[in-house]
Amino acid sequence: MRKVFASATEALAGQLRDDMVIMSGGFGLCGIPEALIEAVELSGARNLTVISNNAGVDGIGLGRLLETRQISKMISSYVGENKLFAEQYLAGDLELEFNPQGTLAERIRAGGAGIAAFYTKTGVGTVIAEGKEVRSFNGEDYVMETGLVADISLVHAFKGDTEGNLVYRKTARNFNPDMATAARMTFAEVEHLVRPGEIDPDHIHTPGIFVSRIVHVPNPVKHIEKRTTREARREDA
């Protein structure tokens, strides 16, 4: 099966529709599948539910889909860097299912592993637990969380081969590997595309069996979410 496509738009052609559930990897602006997100924007698909740790920032990453109002619901952990997200949420135009970060990661991992639900102490006694089953184990209360699955997952990898085996780099190895396992189809954009056998099997993070289509995106822009500097000291001059 041919997995490599010439562009993100071509890779997603015929696979997008209104009302889909989409997982989008990355943490902040690190490891986000920016080319694939742009292809979703160009498709015009609307009323999307997007599962992602955050919603990018204004004008970058998922922030672009908020600008076009293609997202109707976010299942997220951290959304504090996106003013448009806050505006749409407070106006009632955007639904939010809020999750503790570790819980979100485990819900995605569970979905990929075929685990329908699990229990965690995180959120017990807070609004996070409202409306959810709470059970006691060894005298401690735990809240039940359900696994998450999606129609498609969009991931960004540092390296991949034409069979779909993927390697993530540093912070990008956060939500991407779990999301790659938790959808009907996974689309990967890779910075370095190599031939099968050029990646040491021990270095593979996502086996190619999970990846449906690949697009080569060399030299992507690496955005800086927050730049922190200090004044130069005399000895630095």
Protein backbone atom coordinates (compact mmCIF):
# COMPACT_ATOMS: atom_id res chain seq x y z
CA MET A 1 0.00 0.00 0.00
CA ARG A 2 1.37 3.40 -0.98
CA LYS A 3 1.65 5.53 2.13
CA VAL A 4 3.68 8.54 0.97
CA PHE A 5 1.75 11.45 -0.55
CA ALA A 6 3.06 14.58 -2.23
CA SER A 7 1.35 17.04 0.11
CA ALA A 8 -0.75 17.22 3.25
CA THR A 9 -3.76 18.24 1.17
CA GLU A 10 -3.36 15.19 -1.05
CA ALA A 11 -2.88 12.90 1.95
CA LEU A 12 -6.13 14.05 3.54
CA ALA A 13 -8.12 14.20 0.30
CA GLY A 14 -11.41 12.35 0.63
CA GLN A 15 -10.87 11.65 4.32
CA LEU A 16 -12.31 14.80 5.88
CA ARG A 17 -15.95 15.61 6.50
CA ASP A 18 -18.10 17.67 8.83
CA ASP A 19 -18.67 16.43 12.41
CA MET A 20 -15.44 14.41 12.61
CA VAL A 21 -13.42 13.72 15.74
CA ILE A 22 -9.76 14.59 15.16
CA MET A 23 -6.74 14.06 17.40
CA SER A 24 -3.91 16.53 16.90
CA GLY A 25 -0.50 15.88 18.47
CA GLY A 26 2.01 18.22 20.03
CA PHE A 27 2.59 20.20 23.18
CA GLY A 28 2.27 23.95 22.95
CA LEU A 29 3.79 24.59 19.53
CA CYS A 30 6.28 21.72 19.79
CA GLY A 31 5.56 18.70 17.63
CA ILE A 32 2.33 20.03 16.15
CA PRO A 33 1.29 18.70 12.71
CA GLU A 34 1.12 22.17 11.22
CA ALA A 35 0.99 21.17 7.54
CA LEU A 36 -1.83 18.69 8.20
CA ILE A 37 -3.75 21.27 10.24
CA GLU A 38 -3.48 23.68 7.32
CA ALA A 39 -4.89 20.98 5.04
CA VAL A 40 -7.87 20.57 7.40
CA GLU A 41 -8.41 24.31 7.20
CA LEU A 42 -8.35 24.25 3.40
CA SER A 43 -10.84 21.36 3.33
CA GLY A 44 -13.53 23.52 4.91
CA ALA A 45 -14.73 20.67 7.16
CA ARG A 46 -16.80 22.12 9.99
CA ASN A 47 -18.30 21.25 13.37
CA LEU A 48 -15.14 19.38 14.30
CA THR A 49 -14.37 17.91 17.70
CA VAL A 50 -10.62 18.18 18.26
CA ILE A 51 -8.70 16.27 20.93
CA SER A 52 -5.44 18.03 21.69
CA ASN A 53 -3.47 19.05 24.76
CA ASN A 54 -3.94 22.68 23.77
CA ALA A 55 -5.29 24.77 20.90
CA GLY A 56 -2.07 26.28 19.62
CA VAL A 57 -1.86 30.06 19.77
CA ASP A 58 -3.64 32.75 17.82
CA GLY A 59 -2.93 32.23 14.14
CA ILE A 60 -0.70 29.16 14.57
CA GLY A 61 -1.60 25.47 14.73
CA LEU A 62 -5.15 24.77 15.83
CA GLY A 63 -5.56 28.50 16.34
CA ARG A 64 -6.11 28.69 12.59
CA LEU A 65 -9.12 26.36 12.82
CA LEU A 66 -10.54 28.49 15.61
CA GLU A 67 -10.22 31.57 13.42
CA THR A 68 -12.26 29.87 10.69
CA ARG A 69 -14.69 28.52 13.30
CA GLN A 70 -14.28 24.97 12.04
CA ILE A 71 -13.95 23.62 15.61
CA SER A 72 -17.11 23.31 17.68
CA LYS A 73 -15.64 21.33 20.59
CA MET A 74 -12.21 20.91 22.17
CA ILE A 75 -11.18 18.07 24.48
CA SER A 76 -8.09 19.59 26.04
CA SER A 77 -5.89 20.15 29.05
CA TYR A 78 -4.24 23.55 28.67
CA VAL A 79 -5.82 26.39 26.71
CA GLY A 80 -4.42 29.48 28.41
CA GLU A 81 -2.30 30.79 25.52
CA ASN A 82 -5.11 31.31 23.03
CA LYS A 83 -7.19 34.47 23.39
CA LEU A 84 -9.55 33.50 20.60
CA PHE A 85 -10.23 30.19 22.33
CA ALA A 86 -11.20 32.06 25.50
CA GLU A 87 -13.42 34.48 23.58
CA GLN A 88 -15.31 31.73 21.76
CA TYR A 89 -15.68 29.64 24.91
CA LEU A 90 -16.97 32.53 27.02
CA ALA A 91 -19.37 33.50 24.24
CA GLY A 92 -20.78 29.97 24.18
CA ASP A 93 -19.55 29.33 20.64
CA LEU A 94 -17.05 26.65 21.61
CA GLU A 95 -17.68 23.62 23.81
CA LEU A 96 -14.85 22.51 26.10
CA GLU A 97 -14.30 19.16 27.79
CA PHE A 98 -11.52 19.95 30.22
CA ASN A 99 -9.10 17.26 31.45
CA PRO A 100 -6.15 17.15 33.82
CA GLN A 101 -3.11 16.71 31.60
CA GLY A 102 -2.16 13.24 32.82
CA THR A 103 -5.76 12.10 32.59
CA LEU A 104 -5.98 13.31 28.99
CA ALA A 105 -2.80 11.44 28.08
CA GLU A 106 -4.07 8.24 29.71
CA ARG A 107 -7.49 8.54 28.07
CA ILE A 108 -5.78 8.67 24.67
CA ARG A 109 -3.44 5.79 25.53
CA ALA A 110 -6.38 3.75 26.80
CA GLY A 111 -8.34 4.40 23.62
CA GLY A 112 -5.44 3.16 21.52
CA ALA A 113 -5.07 0.08 23.70
CA GLY A 114 -8.75 -0.84 23.48
CA ILE A 115 -9.43 0.02 27.13
CA ALA A 116 -12.94 1.42 27.46
CA ALA A 117 -12.45 3.07 30.87
CA PHE A 118 -10.14 3.30 33.86
CA TYR A 119 -10.12 4.75 37.38
CA THR A 120 -7.88 7.54 38.64
CA LYS A 121 -7.57 9.56 41.85
CA THR A 122 -6.98 12.74 39.87
CA GLY A 123 -10.03 14.99 40.03
CA VAL A 124 -11.83 13.23 42.89
CA GLY A 125 -13.82 15.77 44.89
CA THR A 126 -13.59 18.45 42.19
CA VAL A 127 -15.76 19.59 39.30
CA ILE A 128 -13.82 17.15 37.11
CA ALA A 129 -15.63 14.28 38.84
CA GLU A 130 -19.13 15.74 38.49
CA GLY A 131 -21.45 13.32 36.72
CA LYS A 132 -18.85 10.54 36.65
CA GLU A 133 -18.79 7.23 38.49
CA VAL A 134 -16.68 7.22 41.66
CA ARG A 135 -15.61 3.94 43.28
CA SER A 136 -13.56 3.07 46.32
CA PHE A 137 -10.47 0.85 46.07
CA ASN A 138 -8.54 0.01 49.25
CA GLY A 139 -10.28 2.82 51.08
CA GLU A 140 -9.46 5.45 48.43
CA ASP A 141 -11.91 7.06 46.02
CA TYR A 142 -11.24 6.96 42.28
CA VAL A 143 -13.15 8.59 39.43
CA MET A 144 -13.87 6.69 36.23
CA GLU A 145 -12.58 8.18 32.97
CA THR A 146 -13.33 6.79 29.51
CA GLY A 147 -10.81 6.06 26.78
CA LEU A 148 -10.70 8.38 23.77
CA VAL A 149 -10.71 7.39 20.12
CA ALA A 150 -10.94 9.52 16.98
CA ASP A 151 -11.85 9.27 13.34
CA ILE A 152 -8.38 10.48 12.36
CA SER A 153 -5.15 11.41 14.13
CA LEU A 154 -2.69 14.01 12.89
CA VAL A 155 0.87 13.60 14.17
CA HIS A 156 4.29 15.15 13.59
CA ALA A 157 7.44 13.04 13.63
CA PHE A 158 11.12 13.90 13.33
CA LYS A 159 11.86 10.90 11.12
CA GLY A 160 9.84 8.28 9.30
CA ASP A 161 10.32 5.66 6.63
CA THR A 162 8.07 4.95 3.68
CA GLU A 163 6.43 2.08 5.59
CA GLY A 164 5.21 4.51 8.26
CA ASN A 165 7.61 3.70 11.09
CA LEU A 166 8.07 6.91 13.08
CA VAL A 167 10.62 8.47 15.42
CA TYR A 168 9.77 11.54 17.52
CA ARG A 169 12.30 14.00 18.88
CA LYS A 170 12.44 15.18 22.49
CA THR A 171 9.33 17.15 23.60
CA ALA A 172 7.46 16.12 20.45
CA ARG A 173 7.40 12.63 21.94
CA ASN A 174 4.48 13.58 24.14
CA PHE A 175 0.95 13.09 22.81
CA ASN A 176 1.98 12.10 19.28
CA PRO A 177 2.83 8.39 19.93
CA ASP A 178 -0.39 7.70 21.85
CA MET A 179 -2.57 9.55 19.35
CA ALA A 180 -1.05 7.55 16.50
CA THR A 181 -2.65 4.41 17.96
CA ALA A 182 -6.06 5.82 18.87
CA ALA A 183 -7.77 6.61 15.56
CA ARG A 184 -9.33 4.86 12.58
CA MET A 185 -6.64 6.44 10.38
CA THR A 186 -3.38 8.16 11.33
CA PHE A 187 -1.73 10.76 9.13
CA ALA A 188 1.89 11.66 9.82
CA GLU A 189 4.01 14.54 8.63
CA VAL A 190 7.73 13.81 8.91
CA GLU A 191 10.77 16.08 8.72
CA HIS A 192 13.12 13.38 7.43
CA LEU A 193 11.82 10.63 5.15
CA VAL A 194 14.05 7.57 4.71
CA ARG A 195 13.87 4.14 3.15
CA PRO A 196 12.72 1.04 5.08
CA GLY A 197 15.56 -0.42 7.12
CA GLU A 198 17.31 2.91 7.68
CA ILE A 199 15.77 3.29 11.14
CA ASP A 200 17.10 1.01 13.86
CA PRO A 201 14.10 -1.07 14.99
CA ASP A 202 14.99 -0.29 18.62
CA HIS A 203 14.57 3.43 17.87
CA ILE A 204 11.06 3.23 16.42
CA HIS A 205 8.41 4.87 18.60
CA THR A 206 5.36 4.24 16.38
CA PRO A 207 5.31 1.07 14.24
CA GLY A 208 4.17 1.60 10.68
CA ILE A 209 1.11 -0.61 11.13
CA PHE A 210 -0.56 2.33 12.89
CA VAL A 211 0.16 4.88 10.13
CA SER A 212 -2.07 5.16 7.07
CA ARG A 213 -0.53 8.05 5.15
CA ILE A 214 2.67 10.10 5.27
CA VAL A 215 3.70 13.49 3.95
CA HIS A 216 7.28 14.71 3.85
CA VAL A 217 7.61 18.21 5.34
CA PRO A 218 11.33 19.10 5.39
CA ASN A 219 12.58 22.11 7.34
CA PRO A 220 9.29 23.06 9.01
CA VAL A 221 9.10 26.36 10.86
CA LYS A 222 9.82 25.82 14.56
CA HIS A 223 7.72 28.42 16.35
CA ILE A 224 8.64 29.72 19.79
CA GLU A 225 5.59 30.00 22.01
CA LYS A 226 7.24 32.21 24.61
CA ARG A 227 10.64 33.83 24.34
CA THR A 228 12.24 34.67 27.68
CA THR A 229 15.44 36.70 27.77
CA ARG A 230 17.43 38.61 30.37
CA GLU A 231 19.28 41.87 30.21
CA ALA A 232 22.94 41.55 29.27
CA ARG A 233 25.28 41.84 32.23
CA ARG A 234 28.45 43.90 32.01
CA GLU A 235 30.65 40.78 31.79
CA ASP A 236 28.52 39.52 28.87
CA ALA A 237 29.31 42.59 26.78
